[in-house]
Protein backbone atom coordinates (compact mmCIF):
# COMPACT_ATOMS: atom_id res chain seq x y z
CA MET A 1 57.86 26.67 69.94
CA LYS A 2 56.54 29.32 67.69
CA GLN A 3 58.57 27.95 64.79
CA ASN A 4 57.04 24.54 65.15
CA LYS A 5 53.58 26.09 65.16
CA LYS A 6 54.42 27.66 61.86
CA LYS A 7 55.69 24.39 60.47
CA ASP A 8 52.48 22.65 61.73
CA SER A 9 50.48 25.42 60.08
CA LYS A 10 52.20 25.02 56.73
CA HIS A 11 51.74 21.22 57.01
CA TYR A 12 48.02 21.82 57.56
CA LYS A 13 47.65 24.01 54.60
CA LYS A 14 49.37 21.42 52.37
CA SER A 15 47.14 18.71 53.75
CA LYS A 16 44.08 20.81 53.00
CA LYS A 17 45.26 21.42 49.49
CA GLY A 18 45.84 17.70 48.93
CA ASP A 19 42.44 16.95 50.33
CA ASN A 20 40.90 19.31 47.73
CA ILE A 21 42.77 17.59 44.92
CA SER A 22 41.60 14.19 46.22
CA LYS A 23 38.03 15.43 46.41
CA ILE A 24 38.21 16.70 42.76
CA ASN A 25 39.63 13.43 41.59
CA THR A 26 36.91 11.57 43.43
CA LYS A 27 34.26 13.81 41.96
CA SER A 28 35.75 13.36 38.42
CA LYS A 29 35.69 9.63 38.80
CA SER A 30 32.08 9.77 40.01
CA ILE A 31 31.00 11.81 37.01
CA LYS A 32 32.91 9.51 34.62
CA SER A 33 31.20 6.46 36.27
CA PHE A 34 27.84 8.17 35.96
CA PHE A 35 28.30 8.70 32.23
CA ILE A 36 29.63 5.19 31.60
CA LYS A 37 26.56 3.84 33.42
CA LEU A 38 24.32 6.20 31.39
CA ILE A 39 25.90 5.02 28.13
CA ILE A 40 25.51 1.38 29.10
CA PHE A 41 21.79 2.06 30.06
CA ILE A 42 21.13 3.80 26.73
CA LEU A 43 22.79 0.96 24.83
CA ALA A 44 20.88 -1.60 26.74
CA LEU A 45 17.59 0.27 26.35
CA SER A 46 18.23 0.69 22.62
CA PHE A 47 19.05 -3.02 22.32
CA ILE A 48 15.80 -3.95 24.24
CA ILE A 49 13.72 -1.59 21.95
CA GLY A 50 15.42 -2.85 18.85
CA VAL A 51 14.77 -6.48 19.82
CA SER A 52 11.22 -5.74 20.73
CA PHE A 53 10.67 -4.05 17.45
CA LEU A 54 12.14 -6.92 15.51
CA VAL A 55 9.98 -9.46 17.47
CA PHE A 56 6.93 -7.40 16.66
CA LYS A 57 7.79 -7.23 13.05
CA ALA A 58 8.55 -10.95 12.93
CA TYR A 59 5.17 -11.79 14.60
CA THR A 60 3.36 -9.54 12.17
CA PHE A 61 5.13 -10.99 9.19
CA LYS A 62 4.63 -14.53 10.26
CA THR A 63 0.92 -13.90 10.76
CA LEU A 64 0.37 -12.25 7.46
CA ALA A 65 2.63 -14.95 5.61
CA LYS A 66 0.53 -17.76 7.08
CA GLU A 67 -2.59 -16.22 5.47
CA MET A 68 -0.73 -15.54 2.22
CA PHE A 69 0.38 -19.18 1.93
CA ASN A 70 -3.36 -19.86 0.99
CA ASN A 71 -2.56 -18.19 -2.39
CA THR A 72 -6.29 -17.63 -2.77
CA PRO A 73 -8.15 -14.53 -4.02
CA SER A 74 -10.02 -12.49 -1.51
CA THR A 75 -13.86 -12.44 -1.95
CA VAL A 76 -15.96 -9.18 -1.75
CA TYR A 77 -19.58 -9.38 -0.76
CA ASP A 78 -22.36 -6.73 -1.00
CA THR A 79 -24.74 -5.73 1.73
CA ASN A 80 -26.93 -8.79 0.85
CA LYS A 81 -23.95 -11.19 1.20
CA ASN A 82 -23.84 -11.66 -2.55
CA VAL A 83 -20.39 -12.20 -4.14
CA ILE A 84 -19.54 -9.14 -6.25
CA ALA A 85 -15.75 -9.51 -6.86
CA GLN A 86 -12.71 -11.74 -6.36
CA ILE A 87 -9.64 -9.62 -5.79
CA GLY A 88 -6.47 -11.19 -7.19
CA LEU A 89 -8.14 -13.68 -9.53
CA GLU A 90 -6.07 -12.18 -12.49
CA ARG A 91 -2.96 -13.70 -11.01
CA ASN A 92 -3.89 -16.81 -13.04
CA ARG A 93 -3.32 -19.00 -9.96
CA LYS A 94 -3.87 -22.68 -9.89
CA ASN A 95 -2.30 -24.12 -6.72
CA VAL A 96 -0.67 -27.46 -6.52
CA ASP A 97 0.02 -29.37 -3.24
CA PHE A 98 3.65 -30.25 -2.52
CA ALA A 99 2.82 -33.97 -2.71
CA ASN A 100 1.76 -33.42 -6.39
CA ILE A 101 4.91 -31.49 -7.33
CA PRO A 102 7.41 -33.75 -9.25
CA GLU A 103 10.53 -34.49 -7.19
CA GLN A 104 12.64 -33.59 -10.22
CA LEU A 105 11.07 -30.17 -10.59
CA VAL A 106 11.74 -29.41 -6.82
CA ASN A 107 15.35 -30.59 -7.31
CA ALA A 108 15.78 -28.53 -10.40
CA TYR A 109 14.86 -25.33 -8.62
CA ILE A 110 17.00 -26.16 -5.61
CA SER A 111 19.94 -26.95 -7.90
CA ILE A 112 19.85 -23.71 -9.82
CA GLU A 113 18.43 -21.33 -7.10
CA ASP A 114 19.55 -22.54 -3.74
CA GLN A 115 21.66 -25.78 -3.50
CA ARG A 116 22.04 -25.68 0.21
CA PHE A 117 18.20 -25.11 0.83
CA TYR A 118 17.80 -28.06 3.12
CA THR A 119 20.72 -27.09 5.42
CA HIS A 120 20.49 -23.33 5.87
CA HIS A 121 18.06 -21.55 8.13
CA GLY A 122 16.76 -18.99 5.56
CA VAL A 123 20.13 -17.31 4.80
CA ASP A 124 22.96 -19.18 3.02
CA ILE A 125 26.04 -17.73 4.94
CA LYS A 126 28.53 -18.62 2.22
CA ARG A 127 26.63 -17.07 -0.70
CA THR A 128 25.64 -14.02 1.44
CA GLY A 129 29.21 -13.50 2.50
CA ALA A 130 30.36 -13.59 -1.08
CA ALA A 131 27.56 -11.14 -2.03
CA ILE A 132 28.44 -8.68 0.75
CA LEU A 133 32.11 -8.85 -0.21
CA SER A 134 31.21 -8.08 -3.85
CA PHE A 135 29.02 -5.19 -2.75
CA VAL A 136 31.77 -3.66 -0.56
CA THR A 137 34.60 -4.11 -3.09
CA ASN A 138 32.37 -2.55 -5.78
CA PHE A 139 31.60 0.41 -3.51
CA GLY A 140 27.89 -0.40 -3.37
CA SER A 141 27.46 -0.52 -7.13
CA SER A 142 26.62 -4.15 -7.41
CA SER A 143 23.51 -6.07 -6.31
CA PHE A 144 23.61 -8.11 -3.12
CA GLY A 145 22.59 -11.29 -4.75
CA GLY A 146 22.85 -14.57 -2.88
CA SER A 147 19.14 -14.90 -2.21
CA THR A 148 18.01 -18.23 -1.01
CA ILE A 149 14.65 -19.66 -2.03
CA THR A 150 13.25 -18.53 1.41
CA GLN A 151 14.46 -15.02 0.78
CA GLN A 152 12.92 -15.04 -2.69
CA LEU A 153 9.63 -16.05 -1.04
CA VAL A 154 9.84 -13.13 1.30
CA LYS A 155 10.44 -10.87 -1.62
CA ASN A 156 7.35 -12.28 -3.40
CA LEU A 157 5.23 -11.83 -0.40
CA THR A 158 6.32 -8.42 0.61
CA GLY A 159 6.71 -6.96 -2.98
CA ASP A 160 9.96 -5.25 -1.78
CA ASP A 161 12.83 -5.81 -4.28
CA SER A 162 14.65 -2.49 -3.64
CA ASN A 163 18.48 -2.72 -3.56
CA SER A 164 19.20 -1.32 -0.13
CA ILE A 165 21.10 -2.66 2.92
CA PHE A 166 18.18 -2.12 5.25
CA ARG A 167 15.79 -4.04 2.94
CA LYS A 168 18.26 -6.91 2.68
CA VAL A 169 18.82 -7.11 6.48
CA LYS A 170 14.99 -7.11 6.89
CA GLU A 171 14.75 -9.84 4.27
CA TRP A 172 17.30 -12.02 6.15
CA PHE A 173 15.34 -11.56 9.35
CA TYR A 174 12.01 -12.38 7.67
CA ALA A 175 13.59 -15.50 5.92
CA TRP A 176 14.74 -16.79 9.30
CA THR A 177 11.28 -16.14 10.68
CA LEU A 178 9.70 -18.36 7.98
CA GLU A 179 12.28 -21.07 8.55
CA ILE A 180 11.38 -21.32 12.26
CA SER A 181 7.67 -21.14 11.59
CA PHE A 182 7.11 -23.41 8.61
CA SER A 183 8.62 -26.67 7.30
CA LYS A 184 10.96 -26.77 4.30
CA GLU A 185 8.05 -28.44 2.33
CA GLU A 186 5.54 -25.61 3.26
CA ILE A 187 8.13 -22.98 2.16
CA LEU A 188 8.75 -24.72 -1.15
CA GLU A 189 5.06 -25.21 -1.84
CA ALA A 190 4.26 -21.63 -1.14
CA TYR A 191 7.21 -20.43 -3.26
CA LEU A 192 6.46 -22.55 -6.31
CA ASN A 193 2.86 -21.44 -6.29
CA VAL A 194 3.45 -17.71 -6.15
CA ILE A 195 6.60 -17.15 -8.23
CA TYR A 196 6.25 -15.23 -11.57
CA THR A 197 6.76 -17.71 -14.35
CA GLY A 198 5.89 -15.83 -17.57
CA PRO A 199 3.68 -13.08 -19.01
CA ASN A 200 1.11 -12.46 -16.36
CA ILE A 201 1.57 -16.03 -15.11
CA TYR A 202 2.21 -17.10 -11.58
CA GLY A 203 3.04 -20.47 -10.17
CA ILE A 204 4.51 -23.69 -11.69
CA GLN A 205 1.07 -25.25 -12.45
CA GLU A 206 0.00 -22.43 -14.68
CA ALA A 207 3.55 -22.36 -16.25
CA ALA A 208 3.30 -25.98 -17.14
CA HIS A 209 -0.02 -25.31 -18.83
CA TYR A 210 1.23 -22.19 -20.64
CA TYR A 211 4.53 -23.72 -21.99
CA PHE A 212 3.59 -27.38 -22.41
CA ASN A 213 -0.20 -27.64 -22.12
CA LYS A 214 -0.01 -30.31 -19.34
CA ASP A 215 -0.24 -30.55 -15.51
CA VAL A 216 2.92 -30.07 -13.59
CA ASN A 217 3.09 -33.71 -12.59
CA HIS A 218 3.40 -34.82 -16.16
CA LEU A 219 6.53 -32.74 -16.94
CA SER A 220 9.64 -34.49 -18.20
CA LEU A 221 12.98 -33.92 -16.58
CA ALA A 222 14.01 -31.60 -19.34
CA GLU A 223 10.78 -29.53 -18.98
CA CYS A 224 11.38 -29.36 -15.37
CA ALA A 225 14.82 -28.05 -16.02
CA PHE A 226 13.46 -25.48 -18.37
CA LEU A 227 10.95 -24.16 -15.84
CA ALA A 228 13.58 -23.88 -13.12
CA GLY A 229 16.07 -22.22 -15.51
CA ILE A 230 13.82 -19.32 -16.56
CA ASN A 231 13.22 -18.26 -12.96
CA ASN A 232 15.80 -15.44 -13.15
CA ALA A 233 13.94 -13.72 -16.11
CA PRO A 234 10.90 -15.62 -17.48
CA ASN A 235 10.01 -13.34 -20.20
CA SER A 236 13.49 -13.56 -21.69
CA TYR A 237 13.02 -17.29 -22.38
CA ASN A 238 9.47 -17.13 -23.75
CA PRO A 239 9.36 -19.62 -26.64
CA PHE A 240 6.19 -17.98 -28.04
CA SER A 241 7.66 -14.48 -28.50
CA ASP A 242 8.44 -13.02 -31.88
CA THR A 243 12.13 -13.40 -31.28
CA ASP A 244 13.80 -16.76 -31.75
CA ARG A 245 15.00 -17.87 -28.31
CA THR A 246 15.92 -21.42 -29.07
CA GLU A 247 19.63 -21.08 -28.37
CA LYS A 248 19.14 -19.19 -25.17
CA ILE A 249 16.62 -21.77 -23.87
CA THR A 250 18.89 -24.60 -24.84
CA ASP A 251 21.88 -23.23 -23.02
CA ARG A 252 19.97 -22.32 -19.85
CA THR A 253 18.19 -25.70 -19.68
CA LYS A 254 21.52 -27.47 -20.08
CA THR A 255 23.00 -25.35 -17.28
CA VAL A 256 20.15 -26.60 -14.87
CA LEU A 257 20.71 -30.30 -15.96
CA ASN A 258 24.49 -29.98 -15.55
CA LYS A 259 23.93 -28.55 -11.96
CA MET A 260 21.50 -31.40 -11.12
CA LEU A 261 24.03 -34.03 -12.24
CA GLU A 262 26.81 -32.31 -10.29
CA LEU A 263 24.71 -32.45 -7.12
CA GLU A 264 23.71 -35.99 -7.82
CA TYR A 265 20.02 -35.32 -8.10
CA ILE A 266 19.94 -37.26 -11.33
CA SER A 267 21.91 -40.12 -12.75
CA GLN A 268 24.06 -40.04 -15.89
CA ASN A 269 21.43 -41.93 -17.97
CA GLU A 270 18.63 -39.50 -16.85
CA TYR A 271 21.00 -36.62 -17.73
CA ASP A 272 21.82 -38.00 -21.19
CA THR A 273 18.15 -38.59 -21.93
CA ALA A 274 17.14 -35.15 -20.92
CA ILE A 275 20.04 -33.54 -22.91
CA SER A 276 18.93 -35.43 -25.99
CA GLU A 277 15.39 -33.98 -25.49
CA VAL A 278 16.68 -30.41 -25.19
CA GLU A 279 18.97 -30.72 -28.22
CA ASN A 280 16.13 -32.07 -30.26
CA GLY A 281 14.01 -29.19 -29.25
CA LEU A 282 11.55 -29.03 -26.30
CA ASN A 283 7.97 -29.70 -27.30
CA PHE A 284 6.36 -26.33 -26.44
CA ASN A 285 2.63 -26.27 -26.77
CA LYS A 286 0.84 -23.17 -25.62
CA GLY A 287 -2.13 -23.96 -23.38
CA GLU A 288 -5.03 -22.08 -21.95
CA LEU A 289 -4.79 -20.33 -18.63
CA SER A 290 -7.31 -20.81 -15.85
CA GLY A 291 -7.28 -17.24 -14.52
CA THR A 292 -9.28 -14.37 -15.83
CA SER A 293 -8.72 -10.58 -15.91
CA SER A 294 -11.17 -8.91 -13.49
CA VAL A 295 -12.66 -5.46 -13.98
CA TYR A 296 -14.05 -4.26 -10.73
CA SER A 297 -16.67 -1.58 -10.12
CA TYR A 298 -15.60 1.83 -9.02
CA HIS A 299 -16.94 1.02 -5.63
CA THR A 300 -14.80 -2.02 -5.38
CA ASP A 301 -11.79 -0.06 -6.58
CA ALA A 302 -12.22 2.39 -3.76
CA LEU A 303 -12.80 -0.43 -1.33
CA ILE A 304 -9.49 -2.08 -2.30
CA ASN A 305 -7.58 1.21 -1.99
CA GLU A 306 -9.18 1.65 1.47
CA ILE A 307 -8.22 -1.83 2.64
CA ILE A 308 -4.62 -1.44 1.44
CA SER A 309 -4.25 1.96 3.17
CA ASP A 310 -5.79 0.70 6.42
CA LEU A 311 -3.76 -2.55 6.42
CA SER A 312 -0.52 -0.71 5.61
CA SER A 313 -1.12 1.70 8.42
CA LYS A 314 -2.34 -0.69 11.11
CA LYS A 315 0.26 -3.41 10.38
CA GLN A 316 3.05 -0.95 9.61
CA ILE A 317 3.87 -2.60 6.30
CA SER A 318 4.40 -1.24 2.80
CA GLN A 319 1.49 -0.68 0.36
CA ASP A 320 3.03 -3.41 -1.89
CA PHE A 321 3.02 -5.87 1.03
CA ALA A 322 -0.63 -4.99 1.90
CA THR A 323 -1.63 -5.31 -1.78
CA ASN A 324 -0.10 -8.75 -2.01
CA PHE A 325 -1.83 -9.76 1.23
CA LEU A 326 -5.21 -8.80 -0.18
CA TYR A 327 -4.39 -10.71 -3.37
CA LEU A 328 -3.16 -13.93 -1.71
CA SER A 329 -4.81 -14.28 1.69
CA GLY A 330 -8.33 -15.45 0.71
CA ALA A 331 -9.86 -12.82 3.01
CA GLY A 332 -13.70 -12.37 3.17
CA ILE A 333 -14.61 -8.72 2.74
CA TYR A 334 -18.04 -7.48 3.44
CA SER A 335 -18.48 -4.17 1.68
CA THR A 336 -21.09 -1.45 2.00
CA GLU A 337 -22.14 -1.70 -1.59
CA ASN A 338 -25.83 -2.02 -2.53
CA SER A 339 -25.53 -3.80 -5.82
CA GLU A 340 -28.96 -2.61 -7.16
CA ILE A 341 -28.14 1.06 -6.60
CA GLN A 342 -24.60 0.52 -7.99
CA LYS A 343 -25.81 -1.06 -11.08
CA THR A 344 -28.33 1.73 -11.56
CA LEU A 345 -25.56 4.33 -11.34
CA GLU A 346 -23.37 2.40 -13.75
CA ASN A 347 -26.20 2.07 -16.32
CA GLU A 348 -27.02 5.74 -16.13
CA CYS A 349 -23.37 6.79 -16.62
CA GLN A 350 -22.93 4.57 -19.54
CA LYS A 351 -25.66 6.40 -21.54
CA ASN A 352 -24.30 8.20 -24.71
CA LYS A 353 -26.28 11.39 -23.92
CA TYR A 354 -23.81 12.28 -21.34
CA ILE A 355 -20.72 11.77 -23.49
CA LEU A 356 -19.69 14.75 -25.40
CA LYS A 357 -16.86 14.81 -27.95
CA SER A 358 -14.80 17.52 -29.49
CA SER A 359 -14.28 17.97 -33.19
CA ASN A 360 -11.32 15.59 -33.12
CA GLY A 361 -13.24 12.91 -31.41
CA GLU A 362 -11.88 13.34 -27.83
CA ASP A 363 -14.15 13.02 -24.85
CA THR A 364 -14.86 16.38 -23.29
CA SER A 365 -17.30 15.36 -20.58
CA GLN A 366 -16.96 13.49 -17.28
CA ALA A 367 -18.87 12.78 -14.17
CA ALA A 368 -18.70 11.15 -10.79
CA MET A 369 -21.37 10.31 -8.29
CA VAL A 370 -21.48 9.06 -4.66
CA ILE A 371 -24.58 7.84 -2.77
CA MET A 372 -24.17 7.50 0.94
CA ASP A 373 -26.20 6.22 3.87
CA GLN A 374 -26.20 9.30 6.05
CA SER A 375 -27.10 7.41 9.23
CA ASN A 376 -23.61 5.68 9.33
CA GLY A 377 -21.49 7.18 6.54
CA TYR A 378 -21.43 3.99 4.43
CA VAL A 379 -21.03 4.47 0.73
CA VAL A 380 -23.69 2.33 -0.93
CA ALA A 381 -22.73 3.16 -4.54
CA CYS A 382 -20.41 5.27 -6.51
CA THR A 383 -19.14 5.82 -10.13
CA GLY A 384 -15.98 7.56 -11.06
CA GLY A 385 -16.43 8.25 -14.81
CA LEU A 386 -18.65 8.13 -17.80
CA GLY A 387 -18.87 5.27 -20.25
CA GLU A 388 -18.12 1.57 -19.84
CA LYS A 389 -15.40 0.69 -17.26
CA THR A 390 -12.80 -1.43 -18.95
CA THR A 391 -9.95 -1.50 -16.36
CA SER A 392 -9.52 -2.13 -12.70
CA ARG A 393 -8.17 0.47 -10.19
CA SER A 394 -8.08 3.23 -12.76
CA PHE A 395 -8.60 6.87 -11.93
CA ASN A 396 -11.62 7.10 -9.71
CA ARG A 397 -13.20 10.57 -9.90
CA ALA A 398 -15.59 9.75 -7.12
CA THR A 399 -12.69 9.44 -4.67
CA GLN A 400 -9.61 10.92 -6.29
CA MET A 401 -10.79 13.95 -8.28
CA LYS A 402 -10.77 17.28 -6.49
CA ARG A 403 -12.90 20.08 -7.96
CA GLN A 404 -14.11 23.49 -6.99
CA THR A 405 -17.54 23.32 -5.31
CA GLY A 406 -19.06 26.64 -6.17
CA SER A 407 -22.19 27.75 -4.39
CA SER A 408 -22.85 24.24 -3.12
CA MET A 409 -20.25 25.02 -0.50
CA LYS A 410 -22.51 27.68 1.18
CA PRO A 411 -24.54 25.34 3.43
CA LEU A 412 -21.39 23.51 4.63
CA ALA A 413 -18.84 26.26 4.98
CA VAL A 414 -21.25 29.04 6.11
CA LEU A 415 -24.78 28.06 7.03
CA LEU A 416 -24.19 25.05 9.27
CA PRO A 417 -21.19 26.53 11.27
CA ALA A 418 -23.07 29.92 11.63
CA LEU A 419 -26.15 28.23 12.98
CA ALA A 420 -24.16 26.06 15.27
CA GLU A 421 -22.26 29.08 16.54
CA LYS A 422 -25.64 30.94 17.00
CA LEU A 423 -24.53 33.79 14.87
CA VAL A 424 -27.67 33.84 12.71
CA THR A 425 -31.20 32.45 12.47
CA ASN A 426 -33.28 31.68 9.41
CA VAL A 427 -34.92 35.25 9.67
CA THR A 428 -31.71 37.17 10.18
CA VAL A 429 -31.87 40.07 7.67
CA PHE A 430 -28.95 41.03 5.30
CA ALA A 431 -28.49 43.88 2.83
CA ASP A 432 -27.97 42.10 -0.49
CA GLU A 433 -26.20 44.87 -2.35
CA PRO A 434 -22.82 45.60 -4.10
CA THR A 435 -20.21 45.33 -1.25
CA THR A 436 -16.36 45.41 -1.09
CA PHE A 437 -14.75 43.52 1.57
CA ILE A 438 -11.13 43.47 2.90
CA ASP A 439 -9.92 39.92 2.59
CA TYR A 440 -7.41 38.22 4.87
CA ASN A 441 -4.59 38.95 2.48
CA GLY A 442 -5.24 42.54 2.91
CA GLU A 443 -6.66 42.97 -0.61
CA SER A 444 -10.14 44.12 -1.52
CA TYR A 445 -12.74 41.43 -2.49
CA SER A 446 -15.93 42.46 -4.37
CA PRO A 447 -18.03 39.34 -5.17
CA VAL A 448 -21.21 39.72 -7.33
CA ASN A 449 -24.47 37.90 -7.65
CA TYR A 450 -25.18 35.93 -10.75
CA ASP A 451 -28.86 37.14 -10.87
CA GLY A 452 -28.66 40.63 -9.60
CA TYR A 453 -29.23 42.05 -6.02
CA LYS A 454 -32.48 41.71 -3.92
CA GLY A 455 -31.85 44.39 -1.30
CA SER A 456 -32.94 43.64 2.28
CA ILE A 457 -33.60 39.81 2.56
CA THR A 458 -33.77 37.09 5.20
CA LEU A 459 -31.19 34.33 5.41
CA ARG A 460 -33.91 31.84 4.28
CA GLN A 461 -34.48 33.93 1.13
CA ALA A 462 -30.66 34.17 0.57
CA VAL A 463 -30.49 30.31 0.65
CA GLU A 464 -33.45 29.95 -1.74
CA SER A 465 -31.90 32.03 -4.46
CA SER A 466 -28.26 31.53 -3.50
CA GLN A 467 -27.34 35.08 -3.10
CA ASN A 468 -23.57 35.63 -2.69
CA ILE A 469 -23.31 38.79 -0.60
CA PRO A 470 -25.13 37.67 2.62
CA PHE A 471 -23.01 34.52 2.71
CA VAL A 472 -19.73 36.49 2.45
CA LYS A 473 -20.99 38.79 5.15
CA ILE A 474 -21.70 35.85 7.45
CA MET A 475 -18.20 34.34 6.63
CA GLU A 476 -16.67 37.63 7.64
CA GLN A 477 -18.27 37.37 11.09
CA LEU A 478 -17.76 33.64 11.36
CA THR A 479 -14.11 33.73 10.06
CA PRO A 480 -12.73 31.16 7.66
CA GLN A 481 -10.70 29.51 10.49
CA VAL A 482 -13.86 28.53 12.32
CA ALA A 483 -15.50 27.36 9.00
CA ILE A 484 -12.52 25.16 8.26
CA LYS A 485 -12.69 23.68 11.71
CA TYR A 486 -16.28 22.58 11.02
CA LEU A 487 -15.50 21.34 7.62
CA LYS A 488 -12.70 19.13 8.85
CA LYS A 489 -15.18 17.61 11.43
CA MET A 490 -17.40 16.73 8.42
CA GLY A 491 -14.61 14.68 6.96
CA ILE A 492 -13.15 17.11 4.40
CA THR A 493 -9.36 16.69 4.40
CA THR A 494 -8.11 18.84 1.43
CA LEU A 495 -8.37 22.23 3.02
CA ASN A 496 -5.22 24.21 3.81
CA ASP A 497 -3.92 27.59 4.79
CA LYS A 498 -4.62 29.01 1.35
CA ASP A 499 -8.31 28.51 1.90
CA VAL A 500 -8.32 31.06 4.78
CA ASN A 501 -10.19 33.71 2.86
CA LEU A 502 -13.59 35.03 2.32
CA ALA A 503 -13.96 33.31 -1.05
CA LEU A 504 -14.30 30.02 0.98
CA SER A 505 -17.86 30.88 1.51
CA LEU A 506 -18.63 30.72 -2.23
CA GLY A 507 -16.56 27.59 -2.91
CA GLY A 508 -13.32 29.25 -4.05
CA LEU A 509 -10.78 26.60 -2.90
CA ASP A 510 -7.19 26.01 -3.33
CA GLU A 511 -7.24 22.20 -4.06
CA GLY A 512 -11.00 21.49 -4.15
CA ILE A 513 -12.94 18.58 -2.65
CA SER A 514 -13.63 15.07 -3.87
CA PRO A 515 -17.30 13.93 -4.48
CA LEU A 516 -16.86 11.40 -1.71
CA GLU A 517 -15.89 13.87 0.96
CA PHE A 518 -18.42 16.34 -0.26
CA ALA A 519 -21.16 13.67 -0.01
CA GLY A 520 -19.91 13.06 3.53
CA GLY A 521 -20.14 16.68 4.37
CA TYR A 522 -23.78 16.95 3.24
CA ALA A 523 -24.61 13.85 5.18
CA THR A 524 -24.08 15.89 8.36
CA ILE A 525 -27.26 17.84 7.42
CA ALA A 526 -29.27 14.74 7.11
CA ASN A 527 -27.99 12.97 10.31
CA ASP A 528 -27.76 16.16 12.29
CA ARG A 529 -24.12 15.43 13.51
CA CYS A 530 -20.63 15.58 12.18
CA ILE A 531 -19.20 12.31 10.81
CA TYR A 532 -15.49 11.91 10.88
CA ARG A 533 -14.99 9.42 8.17
CA THR A 534 -16.69 7.66 5.35
CA TYR A 535 -16.56 3.91 4.86
CA PHE A 536 -16.54 1.63 1.86
CA LEU A 537 -16.33 -1.55 3.92
CA TYR A 538 -16.40 -3.50 7.04
CA THR A 539 -14.25 -6.68 7.22
CA ASN A 540 -14.83 -10.16 8.52
CA HIS A 541 -11.45 -11.83 9.09
CA LEU A 542 -8.86 -9.51 7.68
CA CYS A 543 -5.98 -9.38 10.22
CA PHE A 544 -6.80 -5.92 11.54
């Protein structure tokens, strides 16, 4: 009986050990199941986020592309609704409706650029597959190639022609978006109106005028083949250059005609007639272009830069894409420019009395000016240089130049913050005498006054004669950190950790401040409040 009990006891112990192993296995399976489910959840969530992102990008691209299909310059108005600039007019554009584009010209482009245009959905799988294979076998050293007309249109709209896998995948997606949003005819019309066709020439209508001095609907088959053929490198086939390009032009035009015959877009008789015209020499006749080169004011230059920056940020697109949108969308832009004040500034800055030259004839003087409506922060006029302005979007000293401010920094960095913090009043007395301070880097700092010392003076008197010592003493009490906090509220963005020193009170800065931001800072004195941003514009129907 005792022996049986021992056996039962051993059996119990074995069972308990087996149960523990079973529990461990169950727990292991449970953990494994949890991690599998977690991975599936993460993958599903990533997929949903990725798809949502692509849908958002597709919607944004389609919306912007629809506006850009207008291929029309954007118009800028001043505060009195007068037209002061057309942005993008220098693209030499002259649109032509699809109905007025010769069928032979359309077929020529399709033959040489994208022979399966009417059957694909934005991406030619056969050509793309071959291009990817070439890219892989050449270890990434070759271009992707294989771009369809729709993909080329995407590239022309976005301005992105970088040779990267990410860019190409995005291009495929955008091309598909265009295909499901617009008809083939709409895509062709937009493409043929925006493509680069020669030296500062865009679109087939302007190309027809430049090369043959005729409208596009009067082009011969051979002339259509020429225009389509130069699409890969227009300037390399320019018949008006100093280099004789006759042989190159002849070979390329014949290549297009051969492809059109192969695809049965033209008959043998049409082919023979066109070949004869090519061999006898195309009748090139340089015509006048309709577009003009625009020179915008410094105010409009700053306006353009601000729109591009805002559009790029808000729509999450590249600067090039934002620029092309501005040039092609036909937007109405209502700027803050007061044309009378702007003209007065420009006339003043063009006077010879301000322009100084060195002994070798180089200009040694420059200037910039900003006039702002302090009630709202709108810039009503600005100039970014002396002399006549001859180029657009050149260096604008009003917005892009950073300079030391000197004593003009005292009211902004010291006086306003100290008054706001109730550290001083206008009758606070200071000892204006030689003083050595210990700066934030641990070194001694001994500023001097330009016009001597005045002894015991009030803050009002220190402001009147711009004495240095009282302002450094106030900064020591205020601290540069607090001063910088106030300056940033005034719209000054160029301060950094190197400006945390007592010299900040006297305008000793690391980078300096632009005239635009400095004017915005002083506007806080006039409007009795901090403004957080200055504006060059407000918009009517930009897609913000």
